[in-house]
Each structure stands twice: as C-alpha cells, then as structure tokens.
Amino acid sequence: MKARITIAASALALLSLTGCASQAQLDEQNKKLDAINAQLVQITQNQQIQIMGQAETNRWLKRSSEQGR
C-alpha cells in the first residue's frame, strides 16, 4: 500500500513540475494521502489483533479437544 501512495505522490510531483498541478492541489492531495495511509495503518493493526485472537482461540480449541480424548 505504501508503494501505491509513493507512486501517487511521485506522479503528483511530476505534474507539479510540468505545471499541471498547483502547490495547493499538491498539498491537498498529500493531506488525503496521509489520511489514507493512517487508515491503512489502523486497518493493518486491527487485522493483526484479529489474527492473534484467532490463533489464541485455535490453541484453546486444540487443547480442549486433546483433553477430551
């Protein structure tokens, strides 16, 4: 995901160099990209927490089934 953001930022920088985008447009786009990046980081953290919870549940289920034998 960070690669996509970097590519988008690079494309906007090139547009700025050619005069197709104003500094204000670049600043606004950068703010949007920062917000998207923050959301992606939060999503990733939530997924990691969920995966850890699933792994713990699986370990508990395995122990429970082994004790029931």
PDB file of N, CA and C in Angstrom:
ATOM      1  N   MET A   1       0.809  -1.189   0.000  1.00  0.00           N
ATOM      2  CA  MET A   1       0.000   0.000   0.000  1.00  0.00           C
ATOM      3  C   MET A   1       0.859   1.263   0.000  1.00  0.00           C
ATOM      4  N   LYS A   2       1.946   1.217   0.756  1.00  0.00           N
ATOM      5  CA  LYS A   2       2.810   2.390   0.797  1.00  0.00           C
ATOM      6  C   LYS A   2       3.406   2.665  -0.579  1.00  0.00           C
ATOM      7  N   ALA A   3       3.632   1.595  -1.348  1.00  0.00           N
ATOM      8  CA  ALA A   3       4.183   1.775  -2.693  1.00  0.00           C
ATOM      9  C   ALA A   3       3.204   2.544  -3.567  1.00  0.00           C
ATOM     10  N   ARG A   4       1.923   2.245  -3.440  1.00  0.00           N
ATOM     11  CA  ARG A   4       0.913   2.961  -4.227  1.00  0.00           C
ATOM     12  C   ARG A   4       0.880   4.432  -3.860  1.00  0.00           C
ATOM     13  N   ILE A   5       0.974   4.704  -2.554  1.00  0.00           N
ATOM     14  CA  ILE A   5       0.966   6.089  -2.104  1.00  0.00           C
ATOM     15  C   ILE A   5       2.196   6.813  -2.627  1.00  0.00           C
ATOM     16  N   THR A   6       3.335   6.154  -2.584  1.00  0.00           N
ATOM     17  CA  THR A   6       4.571   6.751  -3.087  1.00  0.00           C
ATOM     18  C   THR A   6       4.466   7.034  -4.574  1.00  0.00           C
ATOM     19  N   ILE A   7       3.903   6.088  -5.324  1.00  0.00           N
ATOM     20  CA  ILE A   7       3.738   6.280  -6.771  1.00  0.00           C
ATOM     21  C   ILE A   7       2.809   7.451  -7.044  1.00  0.00           C
ATOM     22  N   ALA A   8       1.709   7.523  -6.298  1.00  0.00           N
ATOM     23  CA  ALA A   8       0.765   8.624  -6.495  1.00  0.00           C
ATOM     24  C   ALA A   8       1.421   9.966  -6.176  1.00  0.00           C
ATOM     25  N   ALA A   9       2.182  10.005  -5.096  1.00  0.00           N
ATOM     26  CA  ALA A   9       2.864  11.246  -4.726  1.00  0.00           C
ATOM     27  C   ALA A   9       3.895  11.629  -5.778  1.00  0.00           C
ATOM     28  N   SER A  10       4.593  10.638  -6.320  1.00  0.00           N
ATOM     29  CA  SER A  10       5.579  10.908  -7.372  1.00  0.00           C
ATOM     30  C   SER A  10       4.905  11.444  -8.622  1.00  0.00           C
ATOM     31  N   ALA A  11       3.766  10.855  -8.963  1.00  0.00           N
ATOM     32  CA  ALA A  11       3.032  11.320 -10.145  1.00  0.00           C
ATOM     33  C   ALA A  11       2.583  12.761  -9.953  1.00  0.00           C
ATOM     34  N   LEU A  12       2.128  13.082  -8.755  1.00  0.00           N
ATOM     35  CA  LEU A  12       1.704  14.454  -8.492  1.00  0.00           C
ATOM     36  C   LEU A  12       2.885  15.417  -8.536  1.00  0.00           C
ATOM     37  N   ALA A  13       4.026  14.974  -8.065  1.00  0.00           N
ATOM     38  CA  ALA A  13       5.217  15.822  -8.125  1.00  0.00           C
ATOM     39  C   ALA A  13       5.590  16.106  -9.570  1.00  0.00           C
ATOM     40  N   LEU A  14       5.494  15.094 -10.419  1.00  0.00           N
ATOM     41  CA  LEU A  14       5.785  15.294 -11.839  1.00  0.00           C
ATOM     42  C   LEU A  14       4.795  16.259 -12.474  1.00  0.00           C
ATOM     43  N   LEU A  15       3.523  16.134 -12.108  1.00  0.00           N
ATOM     44  CA  LEU A  15       2.524  17.067 -12.624  1.00  0.00           C
ATOM     45  C   LEU A  15       2.856  18.493 -12.204  1.00  0.00           C
ATOM     46  N   SER A  16       3.323  18.633 -10.980  1.00  0.00           N
ATOM     47  CA  SER A  16       3.681  19.953 -10.490  1.00  0.00           C
ATOM     48  C   SER A  16       4.845  20.530 -11.291  1.00  0.00           C
ATOM     49  N   LEU A  17       5.812  19.700 -11.599  1.00  0.00           N
ATOM     50  CA  LEU A  17       6.970  20.165 -12.358  1.00  0.00           C
ATOM     51  C   LEU A  17       6.581  20.602 -13.768  1.00  0.00           C
ATOM     52  N   THR A  18       5.550  19.972 -14.313  1.00  0.00           N
ATOM     53  CA  THR A  18       5.113  20.342 -15.661  1.00  0.00           C
ATOM     54  C   THR A  18       4.078  21.453 -15.623  1.00  0.00           C
ATOM     55  N   GLY A  19       3.700  21.888 -14.426  1.00  0.00           N
ATOM     56  CA  GLY A  19       2.759  22.994 -14.313  1.00  0.00           C
ATOM     57  C   GLY A  19       1.307  22.572 -14.365  1.00  0.00           C
ATOM     58  N   CYS A  20       1.018  21.283 -14.274  1.00  0.00           N
ATOM     59  CA  CYS A  20      -0.363  20.808 -14.374  1.00  0.00           C
ATOM     60  C   CYS A  20      -1.080  20.797 -13.029  1.00  0.00           C
ATOM     61  N   ALA A  21      -0.362  20.938 -11.944  1.00  0.00           N
ATOM     62  CA  ALA A  21      -0.989  20.945 -10.627  1.00  0.00           C
ATOM     63  C   ALA A  21      -0.378  22.071  -9.802  1.00  0.00           C
ATOM     64  N   SER A  22      -1.234  22.784  -9.095  1.00  0.00           N
ATOM     65  CA  SER A  22      -0.743  23.878  -8.256  1.00  0.00           C
ATOM     66  C   SER A  22      -0.224  23.318  -6.930  1.00  0.00           C
ATOM     67  N   GLN A  23       0.505  24.142  -6.218  1.00  0.00           N
ATOM     68  CA  GLN A  23       1.011  23.721  -4.910  1.00  0.00           C
ATOM     69  C   GLN A  23      -0.143  23.425  -3.965  1.00  0.00           C
ATOM     70  N   ALA A  24      -1.199  24.218  -4.046  1.00  0.00           N
ATOM     71  CA  ALA A  24      -2.366  23.983  -3.188  1.00  0.00           C
ATOM     72  C   ALA A  24      -2.993  22.625  -3.487  1.00  0.00           C
ATOM     73  N   GLN A  25      -3.043  22.262  -4.778  1.00  0.00           N
ATOM     74  CA  GLN A  25      -3.587  20.954  -5.152  1.00  0.00           C
ATOM     75  C   GLN A  25      -2.702  19.834  -4.619  1.00  0.00           C
ATOM     76  N   LEU A  26      -1.401  20.027  -4.720  1.00  0.00           N
ATOM     77  CA  LEU A  26      -0.469  19.026  -4.196  1.00  0.00           C
ATOM     78  C   LEU A  26      -0.595  18.889  -2.685  1.00  0.00           C
ATOM     79  N   ASP A  27      -0.719  20.016  -2.003  1.00  0.00           N
ATOM     80  CA  ASP A  27      -0.866  19.984  -0.549  1.00  0.00           C
ATOM     81  C   ASP A  27      -2.140  19.247  -0.150  1.00  0.00           C
ATOM     82  N   GLU A  28      -3.225  19.527  -0.856  1.00  0.00           N
ATOM     83  CA  GLU A  28      -4.499  18.860  -0.570  1.00  0.00           C
ATOM     84  C   GLU A  28      -4.399  17.365  -0.839  1.00  0.00           C
ATOM     85  N   GLN A  29      -3.761  17.013  -1.945  1.00  0.00           N
ATOM     86  CA  GLN A  29      -3.600  15.598  -2.276  1.00  0.00           C
ATOM     87  C   GLN A  29      -2.730  14.895  -1.234  1.00  0.00           C
ATOM     88  N   ASN A  30      -1.683  15.567  -0.786  1.00  0.00           N
ATOM     89  CA  ASN A  30      -0.818  14.981   0.246  1.00  0.00           C
ATOM     90  C   ASN A  30      -1.572  14.765   1.553  1.00  0.00           C
ATOM     91  N   LYS A  31      -2.456  15.707   1.907  1.00  0.00           N
ATOM     92  CA  LYS A  31      -3.278  15.536   3.107  1.00  0.00           C
ATOM     93  C   LYS A  31      -4.170  14.309   2.968  1.00  0.00           C
ATOM     94  N   LYS A  32      -4.755  14.146   1.782  1.00  0.00           N
ATOM     95  CA  LYS A  32      -5.618  12.988   1.540  1.00  0.00           C
ATOM     96  C   LYS A  32      -4.815  11.695   1.608  1.00  0.00           C
ATOM     97  N   LEU A  33      -3.622  11.700   1.027  1.00  0.00           N
ATOM     98  CA  LEU A  33      -2.773  10.510   1.058  1.00  0.00           C
ATOM     99  C   LEU A  33      -2.342  10.177   2.485  1.00  0.00           C
ATOM    100  N   ASP A  34      -2.048  11.196   3.275  1.00  0.00           N
ATOM    101  CA  ASP A  34      -1.695  10.962   4.679  1.00  0.00           C
ATOM    102  C   ASP A  34      -2.862  10.336   5.437  1.00  0.00           C
ATOM    103  N   ALA A  35      -4.078  10.827   5.162  1.00  0.00           N
ATOM    104  CA  ALA A  35      -5.264  10.274   5.823  1.00  0.00           C
ATOM    105  C   ALA A  35      -5.485   8.824   5.409  1.00  0.00           C
ATOM    106  N   ILE A  36      -5.311   8.542   4.124  1.00  0.00           N
ATOM    107  CA  ILE A  36      -5.458   7.170   3.626  1.00  0.00           C
ATOM    108  C   ILE A  36      -4.417   6.271   4.281  1.00  0.00           C
ATOM    109  N   ASN A  37      -3.189   6.744   4.352  1.00  0.00           N
ATOM    110  CA  ASN A  37      -2.122   5.954   4.968  1.00  0.00           C
ATOM    111  C   ASN A  37      -2.436   5.658   6.435  1.00  0.00           C
ATOM    112  N   ALA A  38      -2.930   6.649   7.157  1.00  0.00           N
ATOM    113  CA  ALA A  38      -3.283   6.442   8.566  1.00  0.00           C
ATOM    114  C   ALA A  38      -4.387   5.393   8.698  1.00  0.00           C
ATOM    115  N   GLN A  39      -5.357   5.445   7.790  1.00  0.00           N
ATOM    116  CA  GLN A  39      -6.438   4.454   7.821  1.00  0.00           C
ATOM    117  C   GLN A  39      -5.906   3.058   7.518  1.00  0.00           C
ATOM    118  N   LEU A  40      -4.998   2.959   6.562  1.00  0.00           N
ATOM    119  CA  LEU A  40      -4.419   1.658   6.217  1.00  0.00           C
ATOM    120  C   LEU A  40      -3.605   1.087   7.375  1.00  0.00           C
ATOM    121  N   VAL A  41      -2.880   1.946   8.072  1.00  0.00           N
ATOM    122  CA  VAL A  41      -2.116   1.503   9.240  1.00  0.00           C
ATOM    123  C   VAL A  41      -3.073   0.969  10.303  1.00  0.00           C
ATOM    124  N   GLN A  42      -4.184   1.682  10.532  1.00  0.00           N
ATOM    125  CA  GLN A  42      -5.164   1.241  11.528  1.00  0.00           C
ATOM    126  C   GLN A  42      -5.794  -0.086  11.123  1.00  0.00           C
ATOM    127  N   ILE A  43      -6.128  -0.234   9.852  1.00  0.00           N
ATOM    128  CA  ILE A  43      -6.701  -1.487   9.355  1.00  0.00           C
ATOM    129  C   ILE A  43      -5.718  -2.635   9.565  1.00  0.00           C
ATOM    130  N   THR A  44      -4.457  -2.394   9.239  1.00  0.00           N
ATOM    131  CA  THR A  44      -3.428  -3.424   9.405  1.00  0.00           C
ATOM    132  C   THR A  44      -3.292  -3.830  10.870  1.00  0.00           C
ATOM    133  N   GLN A  45      -3.291  -2.848  11.760  1.00  0.00           N
ATOM    134  CA  GLN A  45      -3.192  -3.149  13.188  1.00  0.00           C
ATOM    135  C   GLN A  45      -4.399  -3.961  13.655  1.00  0.00           C
ATOM    136  N   ASN A  46      -5.585  -3.589  13.204  1.00  0.00           N
ATOM    137  CA  ASN A  46      -6.792  -4.329  13.578  1.00  0.00           C
ATOM    138  C   ASN A  46      -6.733  -5.765  13.075  1.00  0.00           C
ATOM    139  N   GLN A  47      -6.247  -5.946  11.859  1.00  0.00           N
ATOM    140  CA  GLN A  47      -6.132  -7.295  11.307  1.00  0.00           C
ATOM    141  C   GLN A  47      -5.146  -8.130  12.123  1.00  0.00           C
ATOM    142  N   GLN A  48      -4.039  -7.530  12.514  1.00  0.00           N
ATOM    143  CA  GLN A  48      -3.050  -8.254  13.315  1.00  0.00           C
ATOM    144  C   GLN A  48      -3.640  -8.681  14.656  1.00  0.00           C
ATOM    145  N   ILE A  49      -4.418  -7.809  15.273  1.00  0.00           N
ATOM    146  CA  ILE A  49      -5.066  -8.137  16.543  1.00  0.00           C
ATOM    147  C   ILE A  49      -6.057  -9.282  16.346  1.00  0.00           C
ATOM    148  N   GLN A  50      -6.826  -9.221  15.263  1.00  0.00           N
ATOM    149  CA  GLN A  50      -7.797 -10.285  14.988  1.00  0.00           C
ATOM    150  C   GLN A  50      -7.099 -11.617  14.738  1.00  0.00           C
ATOM    151  N   ILE A  51      -6.012 -11.591  14.011  1.00  0.00           N
ATOM    152  CA  ILE A  51      -5.266 -12.824  13.725  1.00  0.00           C
ATOM    153  C   ILE A  51      -4.710 -13.414  15.021  1.00  0.00           C
ATOM    154  N   MET A  52      -4.187 -12.558  15.892  1.00  0.00           N
ATOM    155  CA  MET A  52      -3.674 -13.046  17.176  1.00  0.00           C
ATOM    156  C   MET A  52      -4.802 -13.675  17.991  1.00  0.00           C
ATOM    157  N   GLY A  53      -5.973 -13.053  17.975  1.00  0.00           N
ATOM    158  CA  GLY A  53      -7.119 -13.604  18.694  1.00  0.00           C
ATOM    159  C   GLY A  53      -7.558 -14.938  18.125  1.00  0.00           C
ATOM    160  N   GLN A  54      -7.555 -15.047  16.805  1.00  0.00           N
ATOM    161  CA  GLN A  54      -7.928 -16.308  16.168  1.00  0.00           C
ATOM    162  C   GLN A  54      -6.923 -17.403  16.508  1.00  0.00           C
ATOM    163  N   ALA A  55      -5.654 -17.058  16.515  1.00  0.00           N
ATOM    164  CA  ALA A  55      -4.614 -18.039  16.844  1.00  0.00           C
ATOM    165  C   ALA A  55      -4.785 -18.522  18.283  1.00  0.00           C
ATOM    166  N   GLU A  56      -5.078 -17.606  19.188  1.00  0.00           N
ATOM    167  CA  GLU A  56      -5.287 -17.986  20.592  1.00  0.00           C
ATOM    168  C   GLU A  56      -6.516 -18.881  20.725  1.00  0.00           C
ATOM    169  N   THR A  57      -7.576 -18.553  20.019  1.00  0.00           N
ATOM    170  CA  THR A  57      -8.785 -19.387  20.037  1.00  0.00           C
ATOM    171  C   THR A  57      -8.484 -20.776  19.505  1.00  0.00           C
ATOM    172  N   ASN A  58      -7.724 -20.852  18.432  1.00  0.00           N
ATOM    173  CA  ASN A  58      -7.368 -22.149  17.857  1.00  0.00           C
ATOM    174  C   ASN A  58      -6.535 -22.979  18.829  1.00  0.00           C
ATOM    175  N   ARG A  59      -5.593 -22.338  19.520  1.00  0.00           N
ATOM    176  CA  ARG A  59      -4.783 -23.054  20.513  1.00  0.00           C
ATOM    177  C   ARG A  59      -5.665 -23.575  21.646  1.00  0.00           C
ATOM    178  N   TRP A  60      -6.601 -22.749  22.098  1.00  0.00           N
ATOM    179  CA  TRP A  60      -7.503 -23.147  23.171  1.00  0.00           C
ATOM    180  C   TRP A  60      -8.369 -24.323  22.729  1.00  0.00           C
ATOM    181  N   LEU A  61      -8.906 -24.251  21.507  1.00  0.00           N
ATOM    182  CA  LEU A  61      -9.735 -25.344  20.994  1.00  0.00           C
ATOM    183  C   LEU A  61      -8.933 -26.637  20.871  1.00  0.00           C
ATOM    184  N   LYS A  62      -7.692 -26.511  20.433  1.00  0.00           N
ATOM    185  CA  LYS A  62      -6.849 -27.698  20.293  1.00  0.00           C
ATOM    186  C   LYS A  62      -6.586 -28.332  21.656  1.00  0.00           C
ATOM    187  N   ARG A  63      -6.247 -27.506  22.642  1.00  0.00           N
ATOM    188  CA  ARG A  63      -6.013 -28.030  23.994  1.00  0.00           C
ATOM    189  C   ARG A  63      -7.279 -28.681  24.548  1.00  0.00           C
ATOM    190  N   SER A  64      -8.413 -28.051  24.322  1.00  0.00           N
ATOM    191  CA  SER A  64      -9.683 -28.588  24.820  1.00  0.00           C
ATOM    192  C   SER A  64      -9.995 -29.933  24.195  1.00  0.00           C
ATOM    193  N   SER A  65      -9.762 -30.051  22.892  1.00  0.00           N
ATOM    194  CA  SER A  65     -10.067 -31.319  22.222  1.00  0.00           C
ATOM    195  C   SER A  65      -9.086 -32.408  22.642  1.00  0.00           C
ATOM    196  N   GLU A  66      -7.840 -32.043  22.913  1.00  0.00           N
ATOM    197  CA  GLU A  66      -6.851 -33.026  23.361  1.00  0.00           C
ATOM    198  C   GLU A  66      -7.165 -33.513  24.771  1.00  0.00           C
ATOM    199  N   GLN A  67      -7.677 -32.643  25.610  1.00  0.00           N
ATOM    200  CA  GLN A  67      -8.022 -33.028  26.976  1.00  0.00           C
ATOM    201  C   GLN A  67      -9.261 -33.918  27.002  1.00  0.00           C
ATOM    202  N   GLY A  68     -10.104 -33.796  25.999  1.00  0.00           N
ATOM    203  CA  GLY A  68     -11.332 -34.574  25.941  1.00  0.00           C
ATOM    204  C   GLY A  68     -11.134 -35.993  25.456  1.00  0.00           C
ATOM    205  N   ARG A  69      -9.947 -36.326  25.017  1.00  0.00           N
ATOM    206  CA  ARG A  69      -9.693 -37.677  24.484  1.00  0.00           C
ATOM    207  C   ARG A  69      -9.559 -38.689  25.575  1.00  0.00           C
TER     208      ARG A  69
END
